[in-house]
Amino acid sequence: MNSSILIRQACGDDTGALARIYAYYVNQTAITFEYTAPDAVEMERRRQEISQHYPYLVAELDGQVVGYAYAHAFYGREAYAWSVESSIYVDVNVSVNTALAVHFIKPWKKR
């Protein structure tokens, strides 16, 4: 079993995994501020929208998406033009959050 973590740009093929991972946080926690977990179609719409301007990464372990991270506009006011909010969601059964966070933050240090 190869247990190396691959961090890459998210793509349409990842949408089912994104929805599955996010559903846990919607259904089992209060951190998302959502009451109903979005389906794969809605997750793909969000991914496409966010990816036009910000990074949207996935963490793969042994060929399976086990986490994802993205940034998006912090708030819709001009004063926040240089601010972003970041989100990281990981499969509750896998520990990849540190690797995902490190790869996610690197590109932003250059800006």
Foldseek 3Di string as FASTA:
>chain_A
DAFDKDKDFDDLVCLQVVLVQVQCCLPPHPVPVDNHRDHSVVSNVVSVVQVVPWTKMFIDTPRHTFKIKIKDQPDDDPVSPPPIDMDITGHPVDDCVVVRVVVRCVVVVVD
